[in-house]
C-alpha atoms as a PDB file:
ATOM      1  CA  MET A   1      -3.637   1.508   5.573  1.00  0.00           C
ATOM      2  CA  LYS A   2      -0.639   1.502   3.401  1.00  0.00           C
ATOM      3  CA  SER A   3       2.300  -0.649   2.650  1.00  0.00           C
ATOM      4  CA  ARG A   4       5.754  -0.580   0.826  1.00  0.00           C
ATOM      5  CA  SER A   5       8.973  -2.715   0.457  1.00  0.00           C
ATOM      6  CA  TYR A   6      11.676  -2.903   2.821  1.00  0.00           C
ATOM      7  CA  ALA A   7      13.831  -0.045   3.002  1.00  0.00           C
ATOM      8  CA  GLY A   8      16.731  -0.802   4.912  1.00  0.00           C
ATOM      9  CA  PRO A   9      18.017  -1.571   8.857  1.00  0.00           C
ATOM     10  CA  ALA A  10      15.488   0.656  10.432  1.00  0.00           C
ATOM     11  CA  ASP A  11      12.823  -1.713   8.884  1.00  0.00           C
ATOM     12  CA  LEU A  12      14.378  -4.638  10.254  1.00  0.00           C
ATOM     13  CA  ARG A  13      14.147  -2.997  13.858  1.00  0.00           C
ATOM     14  CA  LEU A  14      10.357  -2.090  13.263  1.00  0.00           C
ATOM     15  CA  MET A  15       9.991  -5.573  12.287  1.00  0.00           C
ATOM     16  CA  GLN A  16      11.622  -6.907  15.380  1.00  0.00           C
ATOM     17  CA  ALA A  17       9.766  -4.497  17.723  1.00  0.00           C
ATOM     18  CA  LEU A  18       6.611  -5.842  16.445  1.00  0.00           C
ATOM     19  CA  LEU A  19       7.780  -9.252  17.540  1.00  0.00           C
ATOM     20  CA  ILE A  20       8.728  -8.391  21.030  1.00  0.00           C
ATOM     21  CA  ARG A  21       5.558  -6.578  21.680  1.00  0.00           C
ATOM     22  CA  ASP A  22       3.530  -9.629  20.173  1.00  0.00           C
ATOM     23  CA  TYR A  23       6.409 -12.451  21.821  1.00  0.00           C
ATOM     24  CA  ALA A  24       3.385 -13.967  23.607  1.00  0.00           C
ATOM     25  CA  VAL A  25       1.225 -14.731  20.659  1.00  0.00           C
ATOM     26  CA  THR A  26       4.511 -15.290  17.789  1.00  0.00           C
ATOM     27  CA  HIS A  27       6.529 -18.089  17.003  1.00  0.00           C
ATOM     28  CA  THR A  28       9.400 -15.947  15.507  1.00  0.00           C
ATOM     29  CA  ARG A  29      11.755 -14.320  17.607  1.00  0.00           C
ATOM     30  CA  ILE A  30      13.684 -11.229  16.828  1.00  0.00           C
ATOM     31  CA  GLY A  31      17.026 -13.216  16.432  1.00  0.00           C
ATOM     32  CA  ASP A  32      15.545 -15.267  13.810  1.00  0.00           C
ATOM     33  CA  ILE A  33      14.773 -12.635  11.219  1.00  0.00           C
ATOM     34  CA  ALA A  34      18.127 -11.170  12.119  1.00  0.00           C
ATOM     35  CA  TRP A  35      19.884 -14.481  11.279  1.00  0.00           C
ATOM     36  CA  ARG A  36      17.764 -14.761   8.211  1.00  0.00           C
ATOM     37  CA  THR A  37      18.850 -11.300   7.023  1.00  0.00           C
ATOM     38  CA  ARG A  38      22.249 -11.898   7.299  1.00  0.00           C
ATOM     39  CA  TYR A  39      23.370 -12.641   3.961  1.00  0.00           C
ATOM     40  CA  HIS A  40      20.660 -10.583   2.174  1.00  0.00           C
ATOM     41  CA  THR A  41      21.394  -7.113   0.779  1.00  0.00           C
ATOM     42  CA  HIS A  42      18.794  -4.456   1.433  1.00  0.00           C
ATOM     43  CA  HIS A  43      18.036  -4.549  -1.829  1.00  0.00           C
ATOM     44  CA  GLU A  44      17.437  -8.018  -2.254  1.00  0.00           C
ATOM     45  CA  LEU A  45      15.296  -7.740   1.232  1.00  0.00           C
ATOM     46  CA  SER A  46      13.377  -5.193  -0.183  1.00  0.00           C
ATOM     47  CA  LEU A  47      11.855  -7.843  -3.083  1.00  0.00           C
ATOM     48  CA  GLU A  48      10.811 -10.095  -0.644  1.00  0.00           C
ATOM     49  CA  ILE A  49       9.342  -8.254   2.513  1.00  0.00           C
ATOM     50  CA  ARG A  50       6.594  -6.040   2.460  1.00  0.00           C
ATOM     51  CA  LEU A  51       5.777  -3.738   5.656  1.00  0.00           C
ATOM     52  CA  TRP A  52       2.001  -2.529   6.060  1.00  0.00           C
ATOM     53  CA  PHE A  53       1.246   0.412   8.213  1.00  0.00           C
ATOM     54  CA  GLU A  54      -1.987   2.154   9.723  1.00  0.00           C
ATOM     55  CA  GLN A  55      -1.274   5.796  10.257  1.00  0.00           C
ATOM     56  CA  GLU A  56       2.708   5.803  11.339  1.00  0.00           C
ATOM     57  CA  GLY A  57       2.523   2.401  13.087  1.00  0.00           C
ATOM     58  CA  LEU A  58       3.543  -1.023  11.871  1.00  0.00           C
ATOM     59  CA  ILE A  59       0.931  -3.396  11.857  1.00  0.00           C
ATOM     60  CA  ALA A  60       2.289  -6.332  10.031  1.00  0.00           C
ATOM     61  CA  TRP A  61       5.170  -7.496   7.712  1.00  0.00           C
ATOM     62  CA  THR A  62       5.047 -10.066   5.129  1.00  0.00           C
ATOM     63  CA  TRP A  63       8.368 -11.860   4.016  1.00  0.00           C
ATOM     64  CA  LEU A  64       7.827 -14.242   0.903  1.00  0.00           C
ATOM     65  CA  ARG A  65      11.515 -16.068   0.729  1.00  0.00           C
ATOM     66  CA  THR A  66      12.587 -16.686  -2.549  1.00  0.00           C
ATOM     67  CA  GLY A  67      14.370 -19.894  -1.097  1.00  0.00           C
ATOM     68  CA  GLY A  68      11.034 -20.975   0.190  1.00  0.00           C
ATOM     69  CA  GLY A  69       9.130 -19.764   3.112  1.00  0.00           C
ATOM     70  CA  LEU A  70       6.645 -17.303   3.906  1.00  0.00           C
ATOM     71  CA  ASP A  71       6.631 -15.276   7.275  1.00  0.00           C
ATOM     72  CA  LEU A  72       3.374 -13.061   8.355  1.00  0.00           C
ATOM     73  CA  GLU A  73       3.228 -11.061  11.516  1.00  0.00           C
ATOM     74  CA  VAL A  74       0.395  -9.176  12.265  1.00  0.00           C
ATOM     75  CA  ALA A  75       0.117  -6.868  15.325  1.00  0.00           C
ATOM     76  CA  SER A  76      -2.137  -8.817  17.761  1.00  0.00           C
ATOM     77  CA  GLU A  77      -4.536  -5.486  17.663  1.00  0.00           C
ATOM     78  CA  TRP A  78      -4.970  -6.578  14.012  1.00  0.00           C
ATOM     79  CA  ARG A  79      -5.758 -10.086  14.665  1.00  0.00           C
ATOM     80  CA  GLN A  80      -9.053 -11.539  14.935  1.00  0.00           C
ATOM     81  CA  ASP A  81      -9.892 -14.661  16.405  1.00  0.00           C
ATOM     82  CA  GLU A  82      -7.360 -17.700  15.478  1.00  0.00           C
ATOM     83  CA  SER A  83      -9.738 -19.280  13.657  1.00  0.00           C
ATOM     84  CA  GLU A  84     -10.321 -16.563  11.173  1.00  0.00           C
ATOM     85  CA  PRO A  85      -7.849 -14.811   8.971  1.00  0.00           C
ATOM     86  CA  PRO A  86      -6.657 -11.469   9.794  1.00  0.00           C
ATOM     87  CA  ARG A  87      -7.635  -8.128   8.660  1.00  0.00           C
ATOM     88  CA  VAL A  88      -4.667  -7.728   6.652  1.00  0.00           C
ATOM     89  CA  THR A  89      -5.159  -9.545   3.419  1.00  0.00           C
ATOM     90  CA  TRP A  90      -3.233 -10.145   0.342  1.00  0.00           C
ATOM     91  CA  ARG A  91      -4.188  -9.923  -3.322  1.00  0.00           C
ATOM     92  CA  LEU A  92      -2.961 -12.921  -5.218  1.00  0.00           C
ATOM     93  CA  GLY A  93      -1.826 -10.635  -8.533  1.00  0.00           C
ATOM     94  CA  GLY A  94       0.928  -9.186  -6.029  1.00  0.00           C
ATOM     95  CA  LEU A  95       2.856 -12.352  -5.441  1.00  0.00           C
ATOM     96  CA  SER A  96       4.735 -14.709  -7.758  1.00  0.00           C
ATOM     97  CA  PRO A  97       3.109 -17.279 -10.311  1.00  0.00           C
ATOM     98  CA  ALA A  98       4.517 -20.172  -7.885  1.00  0.00           C
ATOM     99  CA  VAL A  99       2.683 -18.589  -4.948  1.00  0.00           C
ATOM    100  CA  ALA A 100      -0.515 -17.401  -6.634  1.00  0.00           C
ATOM    101  CA  THR A 101      -0.757 -20.999  -8.099  1.00  0.00           C
ATOM    102  CA  HIS A 102      -0.062 -23.013  -4.783  1.00  0.00           C
ATOM    103  CA  GLY A 103      -1.575 -20.650  -2.326  1.00  0.00           C
ATOM    104  CA  PRO A 104       0.937 -20.319   0.395  1.00  0.00           C
ATOM    105  CA  THR A 105      -0.512 -20.069   3.720  1.00  0.00           C
ATOM    106  CA  SER A 106       0.502 -18.417   7.375  1.00  0.00           C
ATOM    107  CA  ARG A 107       1.724 -21.122  10.108  1.00  0.00           C
ATOM    108  CA  ARG A 108      -1.138 -19.676  12.128  1.00  0.00           C
ATOM    109  CA  THR A 109      -4.105 -18.700  10.170  1.00  0.00           C
ATOM    110  CA  GLY A 110      -4.026 -20.941   6.900  1.00  0.00           C
ATOM    111  CA  LEU A 111      -4.613 -17.592   5.330  1.00  0.00           C
ATOM    112  CA  VAL A 112      -3.343 -16.526   1.891  1.00  0.00           C
ATOM    113  CA  SER A 113      -3.406 -13.139   1.600  1.00  0.00           C
ATOM    114  CA  GLY A 114      -0.652 -10.159  -0.503  1.00  0.00           C
ATOM    115  CA  TYR A 115      -0.529  -6.831  -1.403  1.00  0.00           C
END
């Protein structure tokens, strides 16, 4: 598994494709992330968004928004039972001090995760 920072519009389309594929199990919709990106440069987004890949396919993305909020989307085949955390986990050392101190959680799983 490899991860990297957001790199531009092609990554936004990958993020949206993951949401479309897992439409039935996610609360975030493709328009939500398009709307949230509208006032940000790609450089700003690269500081907040991380994409996770297994082989060549996107399996998860995280968005730690500087204005507040955390989005964590994990491909359905990489999720375990809803009561268990997903296989994609975060190392708190890669997050901001505020996040590491307060421990953000996913809306769906309550998991704290990182790079």
